[in-house]
Amino acid sequence: MPRLPRLRGREVVAALQRVGFVVLRVKGSHHFMHHPDGRRTVVPVHAGETIGPGLLNKILKDTELETEELTRQL
């Protein structure tokens, strides 16, 4: 398994939008994202902070994406 990239929340949101996810709503700094086929996830967008590897793994699991597919969308 390739190493996870160090990404900011805005980068993750943009990459997920490229694969078909849309932002349903924003509550504070949390972007609730939904795909038309039913997959959902929440991405925190905090200024100046990167998403940790554990949370990024959780987002990938929720979205059923592989690390390679996410890095291609960056």
N, C-alpha and C. Protein backbone atom coordinates (compact mmCIF):
# COMPACT_ATOMS: atom_id res chain seq x y z
N MET A 1 0.84 -1.17 0.00
CA MET A 1 0.00 0.00 0.00
C MET A 1 0.89 1.25 0.00
N PRO A 2 0.64 2.17 -0.93
CA PRO A 2 1.47 3.37 -0.97
C PRO A 2 1.23 4.27 0.23
N ARG A 3 2.20 5.10 0.51
CA ARG A 3 2.09 6.04 1.62
C ARG A 3 1.01 7.08 1.36
N LEU A 4 0.34 7.46 2.41
CA LEU A 4 -0.69 8.48 2.27
C LEU A 4 -0.06 9.85 2.10
N PRO A 5 -0.60 10.66 1.19
CA PRO A 5 -0.07 12.02 1.03
C PRO A 5 -0.51 12.90 2.19
N ARG A 6 0.25 13.94 2.46
CA ARG A 6 -0.12 14.92 3.48
C ARG A 6 -0.95 15.99 2.79
N LEU A 7 -2.24 16.03 3.08
CA LEU A 7 -3.15 16.92 2.40
C LEU A 7 -3.88 17.83 3.38
N ARG A 8 -4.27 18.98 2.88
CA ARG A 8 -5.12 19.89 3.65
C ARG A 8 -6.57 19.56 3.31
N GLY A 9 -7.47 20.02 4.14
CA GLY A 9 -8.89 19.72 3.95
C GLY A 9 -9.42 20.19 2.61
N ARG A 10 -9.03 21.39 2.20
CA ARG A 10 -9.51 21.92 0.91
C ARG A 10 -9.05 21.05 -0.26
N GLU A 11 -7.85 20.50 -0.17
CA GLU A 11 -7.35 19.63 -1.23
C GLU A 11 -8.16 18.33 -1.31
N VAL A 12 -8.53 17.79 -0.15
CA VAL A 12 -9.34 16.56 -0.12
C VAL A 12 -10.72 16.84 -0.68
N VAL A 13 -11.33 17.96 -0.29
CA VAL A 13 -12.65 18.32 -0.81
C VAL A 13 -12.60 18.45 -2.33
N ALA A 14 -11.59 19.13 -2.86
CA ALA A 14 -11.47 19.31 -4.31
C ALA A 14 -11.29 17.98 -5.03
N ALA A 15 -10.46 17.09 -4.47
CA ALA A 15 -10.23 15.78 -5.09
C ALA A 15 -11.52 14.95 -5.08
N LEU A 16 -12.27 15.00 -3.99
CA LEU A 16 -13.52 14.24 -3.93
C LEU A 16 -14.55 14.81 -4.90
N GLN A 17 -14.56 16.12 -5.08
CA GLN A 17 -15.50 16.71 -6.04
C GLN A 17 -15.17 16.26 -7.45
N ARG A 18 -13.90 16.03 -7.76
CA ARG A 18 -13.52 15.57 -9.10
C ARG A 18 -14.01 14.15 -9.39
N VAL A 19 -14.25 13.36 -8.33
CA VAL A 19 -14.75 11.99 -8.56
C VAL A 19 -16.25 11.89 -8.34
N GLY A 20 -16.93 13.04 -8.22
CA GLY A 20 -18.39 13.02 -8.19
C GLY A 20 -19.05 13.36 -6.87
N PHE A 21 -18.29 13.60 -5.83
CA PHE A 21 -18.89 13.98 -4.55
C PHE A 21 -19.30 15.44 -4.59
N VAL A 22 -20.37 15.77 -3.87
CA VAL A 22 -20.81 17.16 -3.75
C VAL A 22 -20.90 17.51 -2.27
N VAL A 23 -20.72 18.77 -1.96
CA VAL A 23 -20.83 19.24 -0.58
C VAL A 23 -22.31 19.42 -0.30
N LEU A 24 -22.85 18.62 0.63
CA LEU A 24 -24.25 18.74 1.01
C LEU A 24 -24.47 19.96 1.88
N ARG A 25 -23.61 20.10 2.88
CA ARG A 25 -23.74 21.23 3.79
C ARG A 25 -22.41 21.44 4.50
N VAL A 26 -22.29 22.59 5.11
CA VAL A 26 -21.11 22.92 5.89
C VAL A 26 -21.58 23.36 7.26
N LYS A 27 -21.02 22.74 8.29
CA LYS A 27 -21.34 23.13 9.66
C LYS A 27 -20.03 23.44 10.34
N GLY A 28 -19.79 24.73 10.56
CA GLY A 28 -18.51 25.14 11.11
C GLY A 28 -17.43 24.91 10.06
N SER A 29 -16.45 24.10 10.39
CA SER A 29 -15.39 23.81 9.44
C SER A 29 -15.54 22.41 8.83
N HIS A 30 -16.65 21.74 9.08
CA HIS A 30 -16.84 20.38 8.59
C HIS A 30 -17.71 20.38 7.34
N HIS A 31 -17.17 19.83 6.27
CA HIS A 31 -17.88 19.74 5.00
C HIS A 31 -18.46 18.33 4.89
N PHE A 32 -19.78 18.24 4.82
CA PHE A 32 -20.47 16.97 4.69
C PHE A 32 -20.64 16.71 3.21
N MET A 33 -20.01 15.62 2.73
CA MET A 33 -19.99 15.33 1.30
C MET A 33 -20.77 14.07 1.00
N HIS A 34 -21.41 14.06 -0.18
CA HIS A 34 -22.27 12.97 -0.58
C HIS A 34 -22.03 12.66 -2.05
N HIS A 35 -22.08 11.36 -2.39
CA HIS A 35 -21.97 10.92 -3.78
C HIS A 35 -23.35 10.42 -4.20
N PRO A 36 -23.73 10.59 -5.47
CA PRO A 36 -25.06 10.13 -5.91
C PRO A 36 -25.35 8.66 -5.65
N ASP A 37 -24.32 7.81 -5.54
CA ASP A 37 -24.56 6.39 -5.27
C ASP A 37 -24.72 6.08 -3.79
N GLY A 38 -24.68 7.10 -2.92
CA GLY A 38 -24.97 6.90 -1.50
C GLY A 38 -23.79 7.00 -0.56
N ARG A 39 -22.57 7.05 -1.07
CA ARG A 39 -21.41 7.16 -0.19
C ARG A 39 -21.37 8.55 0.43
N ARG A 40 -20.96 8.61 1.71
CA ARG A 40 -20.90 9.88 2.43
C ARG A 40 -19.64 9.95 3.27
N THR A 41 -19.18 11.17 3.52
CA THR A 41 -18.06 11.38 4.42
C THR A 41 -18.08 12.82 4.90
N VAL A 42 -17.28 13.09 5.92
CA VAL A 42 -17.14 14.43 6.48
C VAL A 42 -15.65 14.79 6.41
N VAL A 43 -15.36 15.97 5.87
CA VAL A 43 -13.98 16.43 5.75
C VAL A 43 -13.83 17.73 6.54
N PRO A 44 -12.95 17.75 7.54
CA PRO A 44 -12.70 18.99 8.26
C PRO A 44 -11.77 19.89 7.45
N VAL A 45 -12.13 21.16 7.34
CA VAL A 45 -11.30 22.12 6.60
C VAL A 45 -10.86 23.19 7.58
N HIS A 46 -9.68 22.99 8.16
CA HIS A 46 -9.11 23.95 9.10
C HIS A 46 -7.95 24.65 8.43
N ALA A 47 -7.90 25.96 8.51
CA ALA A 47 -6.85 26.74 7.86
C ALA A 47 -5.48 26.37 8.43
N GLY A 48 -4.55 26.07 7.55
CA GLY A 48 -3.18 25.80 7.97
C GLY A 48 -2.92 24.43 8.55
N GLU A 49 -3.89 23.55 8.59
CA GLU A 49 -3.69 22.22 9.18
C GLU A 49 -3.83 21.13 8.13
N THR A 50 -3.00 20.12 8.23
CA THR A 50 -3.13 18.96 7.35
C THR A 50 -3.98 17.90 8.04
N ILE A 51 -4.57 17.05 7.24
CA ILE A 51 -5.38 15.96 7.77
C ILE A 51 -4.44 14.83 8.14
N GLY A 52 -4.59 14.31 9.33
CA GLY A 52 -3.74 13.23 9.81
C GLY A 52 -3.98 11.94 9.04
N PRO A 53 -3.03 11.01 9.11
CA PRO A 53 -3.16 9.76 8.36
C PRO A 53 -4.35 8.91 8.81
N GLY A 54 -4.67 8.91 10.08
CA GLY A 54 -5.81 8.11 10.55
C GLY A 54 -7.12 8.62 10.00
N LEU A 55 -7.30 9.94 10.02
CA LEU A 55 -8.53 10.53 9.49
C LEU A 55 -8.60 10.37 7.98
N LEU A 56 -7.48 10.51 7.30
CA LEU A 56 -7.48 10.33 5.85
C LEU A 56 -7.83 8.89 5.49
N ASN A 57 -7.35 7.91 6.26
CA ASN A 57 -7.74 6.51 6.04
C ASN A 57 -9.24 6.33 6.22
N LYS A 58 -9.81 6.99 7.22
CA LYS A 58 -11.25 6.90 7.47
C LYS A 58 -12.03 7.51 6.30
N ILE A 59 -11.58 8.64 5.79
CA ILE A 59 -12.25 9.27 4.65
C ILE A 59 -12.17 8.35 3.43
N LEU A 60 -11.01 7.74 3.18
CA LEU A 60 -10.86 6.81 2.06
C LEU A 60 -11.78 5.59 2.23
N LYS A 61 -11.89 5.10 3.44
CA LYS A 61 -12.76 3.96 3.70
C LYS A 61 -14.23 4.34 3.46
N ASP A 62 -14.64 5.51 3.96
CA ASP A 62 -16.02 5.97 3.77
C ASP A 62 -16.36 6.15 2.30
N THR A 63 -15.40 6.67 1.54
CA THR A 63 -15.66 6.97 0.13
C THR A 63 -15.37 5.78 -0.79
N GLU A 64 -14.81 4.71 -0.23
CA GLU A 64 -14.46 3.50 -0.98
C GLU A 64 -13.47 3.81 -2.11
N LEU A 65 -12.53 4.72 -1.84
CA LEU A 65 -11.49 5.08 -2.81
C LEU A 65 -10.16 4.49 -2.37
N GLU A 66 -9.30 4.23 -3.33
CA GLU A 66 -7.94 3.78 -3.04
C GLU A 66 -7.04 5.02 -2.98
N THR A 67 -5.91 4.87 -2.32
CA THR A 67 -4.95 5.97 -2.19
C THR A 67 -4.49 6.47 -3.55
N GLU A 68 -4.23 5.54 -4.48
CA GLU A 68 -3.78 5.92 -5.82
C GLU A 68 -4.82 6.77 -6.54
N GLU A 69 -6.10 6.39 -6.38
CA GLU A 69 -7.17 7.12 -7.06
C GLU A 69 -7.27 8.54 -6.50
N LEU A 70 -7.11 8.70 -5.20
CA LEU A 70 -7.16 10.03 -4.60
C LEU A 70 -5.98 10.88 -5.07
N THR A 71 -4.78 10.31 -5.11
CA THR A 71 -3.61 11.08 -5.53
C THR A 71 -3.68 11.45 -7.01
N ARG A 72 -4.34 10.65 -7.83
CA ARG A 72 -4.51 11.01 -9.25
C ARG A 72 -5.39 12.24 -9.40
N GLN A 73 -6.31 12.45 -8.47
CA GLN A 73 -7.25 13.57 -8.56
C GLN A 73 -6.68 14.88 -8.04
N LEU A 74 -5.49 14.85 -7.47
CA LEU A 74 -4.92 16.08 -6.91
C LEU A 74 -4.40 17.02 -7.97
